Amino acid sequence: MPRRLYTCTPSRLNSWLDCPRKYRMTYLDRPAPPKGPPWAHNSVGASVHNALANWWKLPFEERTPEAAGTLLLRGWLTDGFKDGEQSARWRVRAREMVERYVARIDPADEPVGVERTVATRTSRIAVSGRIDRLDERGGELVVVDYKTGRHVLTPDDARGSLALAIYAVASSRVLRKPCRRVELHHLPSGGVAVWEHTEESLGRHITRAEQIADEASAADEAYKASRVPRPRTGEAPPVDHARWDELFPPRPSNLCSWCDFARHCPEGLQAAPRKEPWASLDAAEAQTASEATSESPQS
C-alpha cells in the first residue's frame, strides 16, 4: 500500500520543532484547549501585511505612500493592546512604517504574486504555504517575506528559514522558473536580509522538512489510534498531558512566555511566566527610546 503523504505547512513543521506538546494542542486535540488572549504584536503584523497586500491591488496610478498609509488606518486591528492610547501610538508608527517602505518600491514593478499560495510534494510530504510577495527579477523568482518584529534580521536568518526555502522550491515547481533568492524585509529598520540558495541547500531544507514530518506523522498516527474524544459540551476539563508526553513532550524555554496555550502547561509556566499581550510592543518602545537617547548629542 502506498505511503500516505504527510500534509503540512511550514508553520506546522516549525510548531513540532518548537514544542511537540504545543503542536498536539494546536493540530490534534479536539476540541482544542482554549487559547490565551490575542497578542498586540500580531495585530500590528497583520495590519501591516494586509495594507501592503491591498496596496498592490490598487490601480497603478493610485499606488502611493499615502495610499498605503490610508489602507493601514482603514484596516487597523485593535486586539491585544493595553489600551486605546497604545493602539493609537502604534497605528501612527505602523502607518509611517508602510509609507516609508512603499516609498522605496517601484509601483510599476508588478509582483508575480501577492499573498500567493504555493504547494509542492515529495515522496513523503505534501506541503503548502502562502508567500507575502513573489517577485520576478532577471528571469528568476524571488521570495519576499515581510517582518515587523523589533529584532533586526541577518542573512543567517534568511538562510536558516525552513519556510522560505520551502516557498522557493514550491514556487519554482509551480511556475517552472528558477527560484533561489529569498529575502526578509524588516519594515521597522528598512533592512533587507538576503540569501542566495543553491540546489543543494534547498535540497537540505526539503530533507529536513521530511525528517520533521516523519517524526510528527508517527506521533499523529499513534495519537489518533488511541485518542478518546473529549466532550464538546459543558465546561472543558483540565488538559491531560500525562498520557501523551512520551509522544508529545514539552520543550520548556523562554518561548513559553509567548505560547497561546501557556495556561494549560505547568512546565511552560515554570520555565517562563506568561507575558502580557502587549509586552512585545512595550519592549519595542523601550528599545526605540534607548536608541534615541544613545544617539542624542552629549552635553
C-alpha atoms as a PDB file:
ATOM      1  CA  MET A   1       0.000   0.000   0.000  1.00  0.00           C
ATOM      2  CA  PRO A   2       1.431   3.401  -0.966  1.00  0.00           C
ATOM      3  CA  ARG A   3       2.607   5.526   1.921  1.00  0.00           C
ATOM      4  CA  ARG A   4       0.232   8.348   2.806  1.00  0.00           C
ATOM      5  CA  LEU A   5       1.783  11.774   2.346  1.00  0.00           C
ATOM      6  CA  TYR A   6       2.025  13.980   5.415  1.00  0.00           C
ATOM      7  CA  THR A   7       0.070  17.135   4.605  1.00  0.00           C
ATOM      8  CA  CYS A   8       1.568  20.202   6.239  1.00  0.00           C
ATOM      9  CA  THR A   9       2.594  23.819   6.160  1.00  0.00           C
ATOM     10  CA  PRO A  10       5.899  25.345   7.253  1.00  0.00           C
ATOM     11  CA  SER A  11       4.104  26.597  10.380  1.00  0.00           C
ATOM     12  CA  ARG A  12       3.046  23.075  11.293  1.00  0.00           C
ATOM     13  CA  LEU A  13       6.575  21.740  10.847  1.00  0.00           C
ATOM     14  CA  ASN A  14       8.073  24.553  12.912  1.00  0.00           C
ATOM     15  CA  SER A  15       5.447  24.028  15.605  1.00  0.00           C
ATOM     16  CA  TRP A  16       6.655  20.446  16.025  1.00  0.00           C
ATOM     17  CA  LEU A  17      10.236  21.658  16.308  1.00  0.00           C
ATOM     18  CA  ASP A  18       9.353  24.328  18.877  1.00  0.00           C
ATOM     19  CA  CYS A  19       7.289  22.105  21.161  1.00  0.00           C
ATOM     20  CA  PRO A  20       5.509  18.812  20.409  1.00  0.00           C
ATOM     21  CA  ARG A  21       3.039  19.475  23.250  1.00  0.00           C
ATOM     22  CA  LYS A  22       2.003  22.786  21.717  1.00  0.00           C
ATOM     23  CA  TYR A  23       1.797  21.046  18.340  1.00  0.00           C
ATOM     24  CA  ARG A  24      -0.611  18.492  19.800  1.00  0.00           C
ATOM     25  CA  MET A  25      -2.862  21.123  21.342  1.00  0.00           C
ATOM     26  CA  THR A  26      -2.835  23.155  18.119  1.00  0.00           C
ATOM     27  CA  TYR A  27      -3.378  20.489  15.495  1.00  0.00           C
ATOM     28  CA  LEU A  28      -4.720  17.349  17.172  1.00  0.00           C
ATOM     29  CA  ASP A  29      -6.695  17.973  20.368  1.00  0.00           C
ATOM     30  CA  ARG A  30     -10.360  18.410  19.510  1.00  0.00           C
ATOM     31  CA  PRO A  31     -11.940  20.409  20.837  1.00  0.00           C
ATOM     32  CA  ALA A  32      -8.736  22.394  21.126  1.00  0.00           C
ATOM     33  CA  PRO A  33      -7.887  23.830  24.563  1.00  0.00           C
ATOM     34  CA  PRO A  34      -8.885  27.499  24.837  1.00  0.00           C
ATOM     35  CA  LYS A  35      -6.121  29.874  23.815  1.00  0.00           C
ATOM     36  CA  GLY A  36      -4.995  32.893  25.780  1.00  0.00           C
ATOM     37  CA  PRO A  37      -5.892  36.440  24.716  1.00  0.00           C
ATOM     38  CA  PRO A  38      -4.724  37.749  21.320  1.00  0.00           C
ATOM     39  CA  TRP A  39      -1.291  39.356  21.020  1.00  0.00           C
ATOM     40  CA  ALA A  40      -0.957  43.024  20.155  1.00  0.00           C
ATOM     41  CA  HIS A  41       2.187  42.433  18.074  1.00  0.00           C
ATOM     42  CA  ASN A  42       0.201  40.016  15.915  1.00  0.00           C
ATOM     43  CA  SER A  43      -2.375  42.744  15.341  1.00  0.00           C
ATOM     44  CA  VAL A  44       0.385  45.109  14.214  1.00  0.00           C
ATOM     45  CA  GLY A  45       1.891  42.485  11.915  1.00  0.00           C
ATOM     46  CA  ALA A  46      -1.428  41.510  10.357  1.00  0.00           C
ATOM     47  CA  SER A  47      -2.424  45.156   9.842  1.00  0.00           C
ATOM     48  CA  VAL A  48       0.851  45.891   8.050  1.00  0.00           C
ATOM     49  CA  HIS A  49       0.705  42.747   5.922  1.00  0.00           C
ATOM     50  CA  ASN A  50      -2.894  43.449   4.896  1.00  0.00           C
ATOM     51  CA  ALA A  51      -2.104  47.054   3.965  1.00  0.00           C
ATOM     52  CA  LEU A  52       0.825  46.017   1.778  1.00  0.00           C
ATOM     53  CA  ALA A  53      -1.190  43.270   0.091  1.00  0.00           C
ATOM     54  CA  ASN A  54      -4.073  45.629  -0.642  1.00  0.00           C
ATOM     55  CA  TRP A  55      -1.681  48.313  -1.919  1.00  0.00           C
ATOM     56  CA  TRP A  56      -0.717  46.058  -4.825  1.00  0.00           C
ATOM     57  CA  LYS A  57      -4.408  45.615  -5.674  1.00  0.00           C
ATOM     58  CA  LEU A  58      -4.791  49.346  -6.318  1.00  0.00           C
ATOM     59  CA  PRO A  59      -4.630  50.711  -9.872  1.00  0.00           C
ATOM     60  CA  PHE A  60      -1.046  51.622 -10.756  1.00  0.00           C
ATOM     61  CA  GLU A  61      -1.633  55.374 -10.592  1.00  0.00           C
ATOM     62  CA  GLU A  62      -3.024  55.083  -7.043  1.00  0.00           C
ATOM     63  CA  ARG A  63      -0.038  53.207  -5.583  1.00  0.00           C
ATOM     64  CA  THR A  64       1.430  55.986  -3.486  1.00  0.00           C
ATOM     65  CA  PRO A  65       2.933  56.012   0.002  1.00  0.00           C
ATOM     66  CA  GLU A  66      -0.055  57.978   1.226  1.00  0.00           C
ATOM     67  CA  ALA A  67      -2.419  55.320  -0.121  1.00  0.00           C
ATOM     68  CA  ALA A  68      -0.506  52.644   1.789  1.00  0.00           C
ATOM     69  CA  GLY A  69      -0.892  54.672   4.972  1.00  0.00           C
ATOM     70  CA  THR A  70      -4.608  55.088   4.366  1.00  0.00           C
ATOM     71  CA  LEU A  71      -5.039  51.348   3.864  1.00  0.00           C
ATOM     72  CA  LEU A  72      -3.220  50.745   7.135  1.00  0.00           C
ATOM     73  CA  LEU A  73      -5.548  53.091   9.002  1.00  0.00           C
ATOM     74  CA  ARG A  74      -8.678  51.584   7.462  1.00  0.00           C
ATOM     75  CA  GLY A  75      -7.672  48.048   8.271  1.00  0.00           C
ATOM     76  CA  TRP A  76      -6.156  48.631  11.701  1.00  0.00           C
ATOM     77  CA  LEU A  77      -6.693  45.736  14.099  1.00  0.00           C
ATOM     78  CA  THR A  78      -7.069  46.554  17.790  1.00  0.00           C
ATOM     79  CA  ASP A  79      -6.828  43.181  19.525  1.00  0.00           C
ATOM     80  CA  GLY A  80      -4.363  42.750  22.374  1.00  0.00           C
ATOM     81  CA  PHE A  81      -3.338  46.332  23.096  1.00  0.00           C
ATOM     82  CA  LYS A  82      -3.027  47.635  26.639  1.00  0.00           C
ATOM     83  CA  ASP A  83      -5.456  50.471  25.925  1.00  0.00           C
ATOM     84  CA  GLY A  84      -6.648  52.823  23.219  1.00  0.00           C
ATOM     85  CA  GLU A  85      -3.670  55.105  23.696  1.00  0.00           C
ATOM     86  CA  GLN A  86      -1.181  52.338  22.965  1.00  0.00           C
ATOM     87  CA  SER A  87      -3.187  51.241  19.940  1.00  0.00           C
ATOM     88  CA  ALA A  88      -3.215  54.812  18.619  1.00  0.00           C
ATOM     89  CA  ARG A  89       0.557  55.189  19.069  1.00  0.00           C
ATOM     90  CA  TRP A  90       1.209  52.003  17.162  1.00  0.00           C
ATOM     91  CA  ARG A  91      -1.274  52.902  14.459  1.00  0.00           C
ATOM     92  CA  VAL A  92       0.794  56.020  13.775  1.00  0.00           C
ATOM     93  CA  ARG A  93       4.012  54.049  13.968  1.00  0.00           C
ATOM     94  CA  ALA A  94       2.733  51.356  11.594  1.00  0.00           C
ATOM     95  CA  ARG A  95       1.442  53.937   9.144  1.00  0.00           C
ATOM     96  CA  GLU A  96       4.858  55.556   8.986  1.00  0.00           C
ATOM     97  CA  MET A  97       6.386  52.110   8.558  1.00  0.00           C
ATOM     98  CA  VAL A  98       4.347  51.159   5.483  1.00  0.00           C
ATOM     99  CA  GLU A  99       4.610  54.608   3.910  1.00  0.00           C
ATOM    100  CA  ARG A 100       8.387  54.579   4.297  1.00  0.00           C
ATOM    101  CA  TYR A 101       8.580  51.076   2.882  1.00  0.00           C
ATOM    102  CA  VAL A 102       6.484  51.583  -0.255  1.00  0.00           C
ATOM    103  CA  ALA A 103       8.256  54.871  -0.984  1.00  0.00           C
ATOM    104  CA  ARG A 104      11.248  52.703  -1.949  1.00  0.00           C
ATOM    105  CA  ILE A 105       9.191  50.399  -4.206  1.00  0.00           C
ATOM    106  CA  ASP A 106       8.569  50.904  -7.916  1.00  0.00           C
ATOM    107  CA  PRO A 107       4.751  50.668  -8.170  1.00  0.00           C
ATOM    108  CA  ALA A 108       5.088  49.557 -11.802  1.00  0.00           C
ATOM    109  CA  ASP A 109       7.190  46.532 -10.833  1.00  0.00           C
ATOM    110  CA  GLU A 110       4.224  44.176 -10.623  1.00  0.00           C
ATOM    111  CA  PRO A 111       4.858  41.110  -8.449  1.00  0.00           C
ATOM    112  CA  VAL A 112       4.225  37.619  -9.771  1.00  0.00           C
ATOM    113  CA  GLY A 113       2.110  37.033  -6.695  1.00  0.00           C
ATOM    114  CA  VAL A 114       0.914  38.731  -3.519  1.00  0.00           C
ATOM    115  CA  GLU A 115      -0.306  36.552  -0.646  1.00  0.00           C
ATOM    116  CA  ARG A 116       0.051  33.695  -3.113  1.00  0.00           C
ATOM    117  CA  THR A 117      -0.367  30.088  -2.024  1.00  0.00           C
ATOM    118  CA  VAL A 118       2.150  27.650  -3.469  1.00  0.00           C
ATOM    119  CA  ALA A 119       2.473  23.921  -2.922  1.00  0.00           C
ATOM    120  CA  THR A 120       4.729  21.031  -3.722  1.00  0.00           C
ATOM    121  CA  ARG A 121       5.165  17.404  -2.780  1.00  0.00           C
ATOM    122  CA  THR A 122       7.833  14.806  -2.410  1.00  0.00           C
ATOM    123  CA  SER A 123       7.541  11.075  -1.839  1.00  0.00           C
ATOM    124  CA  ARG A 124       6.851  11.824   1.864  1.00  0.00           C
ATOM    125  CA  ILE A 125       5.195  15.243   2.252  1.00  0.00           C
ATOM    126  CA  ALA A 126       2.607  17.484   0.619  1.00  0.00           C
ATOM    127  CA  VAL A 127       3.472  20.965   1.776  1.00  0.00           C
ATOM    128  CA  SER A 128       1.846  24.305   1.033  1.00  0.00           C
ATOM    129  CA  GLY A 129       2.155  27.868   2.250  1.00  0.00           C
ATOM    130  CA  ARG A 130       1.328  31.466   1.487  1.00  0.00           C
ATOM    131  CA  ILE A 131       4.024  33.893   0.354  1.00  0.00           C
ATOM    132  CA  ASP A 132       3.810  37.577   1.251  1.00  0.00           C
ATOM    133  CA  ARG A 133       5.200  38.574  -2.150  1.00  0.00           C
ATOM    134  CA  LEU A 134       6.766  36.762  -5.074  1.00  0.00           C
ATOM    135  CA  ASP A 135       8.872  38.883  -7.419  1.00  0.00           C
ATOM    136  CA  GLU A 136      10.496  38.121 -10.752  1.00  0.00           C
ATOM    137  CA  ARG A 137      13.894  39.679 -11.354  1.00  0.00           C
ATOM    138  CA  GLY A 138      16.153  38.860 -14.247  1.00  0.00           C
ATOM    139  CA  GLY A 139      14.145  35.812 -15.207  1.00  0.00           C
ATOM    140  CA  GLU A 140      14.260  34.294 -11.713  1.00  0.00           C
ATOM    141  CA  LEU A 141      11.722  34.288  -8.906  1.00  0.00           C
ATOM    142  CA  VAL A 142      12.433  35.923  -5.539  1.00  0.00           C
ATOM    143  CA  VAL A 143      10.574  35.115  -2.317  1.00  0.00           C
ATOM    144  CA  VAL A 144       9.864  38.195  -0.177  1.00  0.00           C
ATOM    145  CA  ASP A 145       8.710  37.887   3.437  1.00  0.00           C
ATOM    146  CA  TYR A 146       7.685  40.953   5.483  1.00  0.00           C
ATOM    147  CA  LYS A 147       8.774  41.204   9.107  1.00  0.00           C
ATOM    148  CA  THR A 148       7.590  43.714  11.698  1.00  0.00           C
ATOM    149  CA  GLY A 149       9.278  42.499  14.901  1.00  0.00           C
ATOM    150  CA  ARG A 150      11.825  44.546  16.811  1.00  0.00           C
ATOM    151  CA  HIS A 151      14.847  42.328  16.127  1.00  0.00           C
ATOM    152  CA  VAL A 152      16.902  43.308  13.096  1.00  0.00           C
ATOM    153  CA  LEU A 153      17.408  40.308  10.829  1.00  0.00           C
ATOM    154  CA  THR A 154      20.584  38.958   9.205  1.00  0.00           C
ATOM    155  CA  PRO A 155      21.394  36.824   6.142  1.00  0.00           C
ATOM    156  CA  ASP A 156      21.680  33.870   8.524  1.00  0.00           C
ATOM    157  CA  ASP A 157      18.002  34.303   9.374  1.00  0.00           C
ATOM    158  CA  ALA A 158      17.119  34.110   5.681  1.00  0.00           C
ATOM    159  CA  ARG A 159      19.495  31.185   5.109  1.00  0.00           C
ATOM    160  CA  GLY A 160      18.115  29.162   8.010  1.00  0.00           C
ATOM    161  CA  SER A 161      14.416  29.757   7.356  1.00  0.00           C
ATOM    162  CA  LEU A 162      12.729  26.457   6.540  1.00  0.00           C
ATOM    163  CA  ALA A 163       9.608  28.308   5.384  1.00  0.00           C
ATOM    164  CA  LEU A 164      11.459  30.499   2.868  1.00  0.00           C
ATOM    165  CA  ALA A 165      13.287  27.504   1.419  1.00  0.00           C
ATOM    166  CA  ILE A 166      10.029  25.583   1.014  1.00  0.00           C
ATOM    167  CA  TYR A 167       8.422  28.606  -0.647  1.00  0.00           C
ATOM    168  CA  ALA A 168      11.355  28.841  -3.068  1.00  0.00           C
ATOM    169  CA  VAL A 169      11.143  25.168  -4.038  1.00  0.00           C
ATOM    170  CA  ALA A 170       7.348  25.263  -4.370  1.00  0.00           C
ATOM    171  CA  SER A 171       7.381  28.498  -6.403  1.00  0.00           C
ATOM    172  CA  SER A 172       9.949  27.105  -8.796  1.00  0.00           C
ATOM    173  CA  ARG A 173       7.976  23.926  -9.369  1.00  0.00           C
ATOM    174  CA  VAL A 174       4.608  25.656  -9.745  1.00  0.00           C
ATOM    175  CA  LEU A 175       5.780  28.428 -12.074  1.00  0.00           C
ATOM    176  CA  ARG A 176       8.619  26.488 -13.754  1.00  0.00           C
ATOM    177  CA  LYS A 177      11.206  29.192 -13.195  1.00  0.00           C
ATOM    178  CA  PRO A 178      14.350  29.209 -11.059  1.00  0.00           C
ATOM    179  CA  CYS A 179      13.862  30.471  -7.501  1.00  0.00           C
ATOM    180  CA  ARG A 180      16.917  30.622  -5.281  1.00  0.00           C
ATOM    181  CA  ARG A 181      16.872  34.084  -3.724  1.00  0.00           C
ATOM    182  CA  VAL A 182      14.918  34.628  -0.500  1.00  0.00           C
ATOM    183  CA  GLU A 183      14.553  37.960   1.308  1.00  0.00           C
ATOM    184  CA  LEU A 184      13.364  39.099   4.725  1.00  0.00           C
ATOM    185  CA  HIS A 185      12.166  42.709   4.555  1.00  0.00           C
ATOM    186  CA  HIS A 186      12.326  44.214   8.046  1.00  0.00           C
ATOM    187  CA  LEU A 187       9.956  47.165   7.918  1.00  0.00           C
ATOM    188  CA  PRO A 188      10.879  48.842  11.229  1.00  0.00           C
ATOM    189  CA  SER A 189      14.546  49.246  10.222  1.00  0.00           C
ATOM    190  CA  GLY A 190      14.216  49.212   6.446  1.00  0.00           C
ATOM    191  CA  GLY A 191      16.775  46.400   6.308  1.00  0.00           C
ATOM    192  CA  VAL A 192      16.668  43.509   3.861  1.00  0.00           C
ATOM    193  CA  ALA A 193      18.269  40.185   4.807  1.00  0.00           C
ATOM    194  CA  VAL A 194      19.106  38.208   1.680  1.00  0.00           C
ATOM    195  CA  TRP A 195      20.223  34.663   0.973  1.00  0.00           C
ATOM    196  CA  GLU A 196      21.007  33.025  -2.358  1.00  0.00           C
ATOM    197  CA  HIS A 197      20.293  29.326  -2.081  1.00  0.00           C
ATOM    198  CA  THR A 198      21.824  26.602  -4.202  1.00  0.00           C
ATOM    199  CA  GLU A 199      20.052  23.476  -5.355  1.00  0.00           C
ATOM    200  CA  GLU A 200      21.996  21.644  -2.672  1.00  0.00           C
ATOM    201  CA  SER A 201      20.984  23.972   0.170  1.00  0.00           C
ATOM    202  CA  LEU A 202      17.336  23.868  -0.894  1.00  0.00           C
ATOM    203  CA  GLY A 203      17.565  20.093  -1.048  1.00  0.00           C
ATOM    204  CA  ARG A 204      18.883  20.004   2.511  1.00  0.00           C
ATOM    205  CA  HIS A 205      15.904  22.045   3.704  1.00  0.00           C
ATOM    206  CA  ILE A 206      13.470  19.687   1.956  1.00  0.00           C
ATOM    207  CA  THR A 207      15.205  16.696   3.500  1.00  0.00           C
ATOM    208  CA  ARG A 208      14.939  18.366   6.895  1.00  0.00           C
ATOM    209  CA  ALA A 209      11.244  19.012   6.299  1.00  0.00           C
ATOM    210  CA  GLU A 210      10.744  15.329   5.508  1.00  0.00           C
ATOM    211  CA  GLN A 211      12.575  14.302   8.671  1.00  0.00           C
ATOM    212  CA  ILE A 212      10.397  16.576  10.802  1.00  0.00           C
ATOM    213  CA  ALA A 213       7.314  15.262   9.027  1.00  0.00           C
ATOM    214  CA  ASP A 214       8.313  11.663   9.718  1.00  0.00           C
ATOM    215  CA  GLU A 215       8.541  12.385  13.454  1.00  0.00           C
ATOM    216  CA  ALA A 216       5.289  14.336  13.583  1.00  0.00           C
ATOM    217  CA  SER A 217       3.395  11.874  11.378  1.00  0.00           C
ATOM    218  CA  ALA A 218       4.349   8.906  13.548  1.00  0.00           C
ATOM    219  CA  ALA A 219       3.154  10.757  16.650  1.00  0.00           C
ATOM    220  CA  ASP A 220      -0.046  11.811  14.867  1.00  0.00           C
ATOM    221  CA  GLU A 221      -0.908   8.248  13.942  1.00  0.00           C
ATOM    222  CA  ALA A 222      -0.279   6.944  17.454  1.00  0.00           C
ATOM    223  CA  TYR A 223      -2.422   9.741  18.888  1.00  0.00           C
ATOM    224  CA  LYS A 224      -5.330   9.076  16.539  1.00  0.00           C
ATOM    225  CA  ALA A 225      -5.197   5.353  17.214  1.00  0.00           C
ATOM    226  CA  SER A 226      -5.609   5.720  20.974  1.00  0.00           C
ATOM    227  CA  ARG A 227      -7.390   9.028  21.449  1.00  0.00           C
ATOM    228  CA  VAL A 228     -10.596   9.202  23.466  1.00  0.00           C
ATOM    229  CA  PRO A 229     -12.600  12.250  22.309  1.00  0.00           C
ATOM    230  CA  ARG A 230     -13.299  14.869  24.963  1.00  0.00           C
ATOM    231  CA  PRO A 231     -16.870  16.080  25.443  1.00  0.00           C
ATOM    232  CA  ARG A 232     -17.824  19.170  23.465  1.00  0.00           C
ATOM    233  CA  THR A 233     -20.444  20.458  25.880  1.00  0.00           C
ATOM    234  CA  GLY A 234     -20.174  21.994  29.291  1.00  0.00           C
ATOM    235  CA  GLU A 235     -17.022  23.231  30.942  1.00  0.00           C
ATOM    236  CA  ALA A 236     -13.866  21.762  29.426  1.00  0.00           C
ATOM    237  CA  PRO A 237     -11.923  19.511  31.815  1.00  0.00           C
ATOM    238  CA  PRO A 238      -8.235  20.183  32.529  1.00  0.00           C
ATOM    239  CA  VAL A 239      -5.945  19.186  29.683  1.00  0.00           C
ATOM    240  CA  ASP A 240      -4.473  15.730  30.335  1.00  0.00           C
ATOM    241  CA  HIS A 241      -0.835  15.757  29.210  1.00  0.00           C
ATOM    242  CA  ALA A 242       0.485  12.690  31.033  1.00  0.00           C
ATOM    243  CA  ARG A 243      -0.810  10.071  28.637  1.00  0.00           C
ATOM    244  CA  TRP A 244       0.687  11.885  25.653  1.00  0.00           C
ATOM    245  CA  ASP A 245       4.010  13.153  26.981  1.00  0.00           C
ATOM    246  CA  GLU A 246       6.049  10.292  25.550  1.00  0.00           C
ATOM    247  CA  LEU A 247       4.783  11.145  22.063  1.00  0.00           C
ATOM    248  CA  PHE A 248       4.426  14.901  22.526  1.00  0.00           C
ATOM    249  CA  PRO A 249       6.896  16.027  25.200  1.00  0.00           C
ATOM    250  CA  PRO A 250       7.011  19.666  26.306  1.00  0.00           C
ATOM    251  CA  ARG A 251      10.115  21.675  25.411  1.00  0.00           C
ATOM    252  CA  PRO A 252      10.218  24.408  28.050  1.00  0.00           C
ATOM    253  CA  SER A 253      12.136  27.537  27.063  1.00  0.00           C
ATOM    254  CA  ASN A 254      11.839  31.314  27.070  1.00  0.00           C
ATOM    255  CA  LEU A 255       9.395  30.923  24.172  1.00  0.00           C
ATOM    256  CA  CYS A 256       6.836  29.616  26.655  1.00  0.00           C
ATOM    257  CA  SER A 257       6.127  33.213  27.677  1.00  0.00           C
ATOM    258  CA  TRP A 258       4.532  33.737  24.280  1.00  0.00           C
ATOM    259  CA  CYS A 259       2.644  30.448  23.959  1.00  0.00           C
ATOM    260  CA  ASP A 260      -1.083  30.605  23.287  1.00  0.00           C
ATOM    261  CA  PHE A 261      -1.570  27.527  25.466  1.00  0.00           C
ATOM    262  CA  ALA A 262       0.662  28.570  28.377  1.00  0.00           C
ATOM    263  CA  ARG A 263      -2.077  28.308  30.984  1.00  0.00           C
ATOM    264  CA  HIS A 264      -2.516  24.621  30.167  1.00  0.00           C
ATOM    265  CA  CYS A 265       1.174  23.780  30.578  1.00  0.00           C
ATOM    266  CA  PRO A 266       2.726  23.671  34.085  1.00  0.00           C
ATOM    267  CA  GLU A 267       6.235  23.110  32.713  1.00  0.00           C
ATOM    268  CA  GLY A 268       5.916  26.128  30.437  1.00  0.00           C
ATOM    269  CA  LEU A 269       4.667  28.390  33.202  1.00  0.00           C
ATOM    270  CA  GLN A 270       7.561  27.318  35.380  1.00  0.00           C
ATOM    271  CA  ALA A 271      10.096  27.918  32.607  1.00  0.00           C
ATOM    272  CA  ALA A 272       8.890  31.402  31.687  1.00  0.00           C
ATOM    273  CA  PRO A 273       5.936  33.340  33.144  1.00  0.00           C
ATOM    274  CA  ARG A 274       3.406  34.348  30.532  1.00  0.00           C
ATOM    275  CA  LYS A 275       3.803  37.818  29.049  1.00  0.00           C
ATOM    276  CA  GLU A 276       1.074  40.395  28.834  1.00  0.00           C
ATOM    277  CA  PRO A 277      -0.482  40.561  25.344  1.00  0.00           C
ATOM    278  CA  TRP A 278       1.170  43.936  24.706  1.00  0.00           C
ATOM    279  CA  ALA A 279       4.584  43.112  26.201  1.00  0.00           C
ATOM    280  CA  SER A 280       6.405  42.913  22.867  1.00  0.00           C
ATOM    281  CA  LEU A 281       5.265  46.425  21.972  1.00  0.00           C
ATOM    282  CA  ASP A 282       6.363  47.782  25.350  1.00  0.00           C
ATOM    283  CA  ALA A 283       9.797  46.271  24.721  1.00  0.00           C
ATOM    284  CA  ALA A 284       9.957  47.774  21.233  1.00  0.00           C
ATOM    285  CA  GLU A 285       9.067  51.236  22.563  1.00  0.00           C
ATOM    286  CA  ALA A 286      11.685  50.941  25.292  1.00  0.00           C
ATOM    287  CA  GLN A 287      14.278  49.913  22.704  1.00  0.00           C
ATOM    288  CA  THR A 288      13.398  52.878  20.493  1.00  0.00           C
ATOM    289  CA  ALA A 289      13.686  55.275  23.440  1.00  0.00           C
ATOM    290  CA  SER A 290      17.055  53.790  24.419  1.00  0.00           C
ATOM    291  CA  GLU A 291      18.399  54.103  20.880  1.00  0.00           C
ATOM    292  CA  ALA A 292      17.202  57.700  20.662  1.00  0.00           C
ATOM    293  CA  THR A 293      18.949  58.545  23.932  1.00  0.00           C
ATOM    294  CA  SER A 294      22.216  56.939  22.861  1.00  0.00           C
ATOM    295  CA  GLU A 295      22.180  58.805  19.548  1.00  0.00           C
ATOM    296  CA  SER A 296      21.408  62.222  21.066  1.00  0.00           C
ATOM    297  CA  PRO A 297      24.283  64.738  21.379  1.00  0.00           C
ATOM    298  CA  GLN A 298      26.013  64.700  24.743  1.00  0.00           C
ATOM    299  CA  SER A 299      26.061  67.987  26.677  1.00  0.00           C
END
